[in-house]
Amino acid sequence: MRILVVSDTHGNYPLLAKVIKAAGAVDLLVHAGDGGNDLKHLARDFPALSHVAVAGNCDPFSALPRELLFAAGGHQLFLTHGDQYRVKWDLLRLFLEGRDRKAAVIIFGHTHQPLIHYEQGILLFNPGSLYRNNAGEAPSCGWLTLGPDGIKPELKFITEKAKGIVF
């Protein structure tokens, strides 16, 4: 199963749409919050694209849940924006919550910093931001490939060229 993971788009729907078009075959899009109206546009422009999403701290009027536990590709995934777990300071609270929920993967955003980190066999995965990354890098997204052979995470930094998106 091939999952495109994004977070913190903050209204940069044009870039999100370009990333989706450039991505090719995607089984699921996961949005880790602070998407605002981007998800409404997504449903309109890509009605066949399966997606799951949570609300972030900049989505105060969203009807989306703040966190979600779901199964994909034979694995349990815990999705949250991360602000409620104070991920800008450390990942301990987030890790403990994901471990308690028996997640193989914990997906979060909020920090605007892409991350692949393993703790006691659990993957903590932050795709960074399609709006702006705090460490000065280009906007980024992530890929998770899930299957019987395990979980393969990837981070992709995005460059816009005249011919489209380059990962």
Foldseek 3Di string as FASTA:
>chain_A
DKEWEAEQAQPVLVQVVLCVVVVPDHQEYEYQENCACSVVVCCVPPVPHHYAYAYDPNHVPDPGHQWDWDDDQRFIEIGHQCVVVVVCVPCVSVVVVCVVVVGQEYEHEDQLAFDWDDDPNHTYTYQHHCHHRPVRFAGKIKMWDHYPVGIDIDIDHWDADPVGIDD
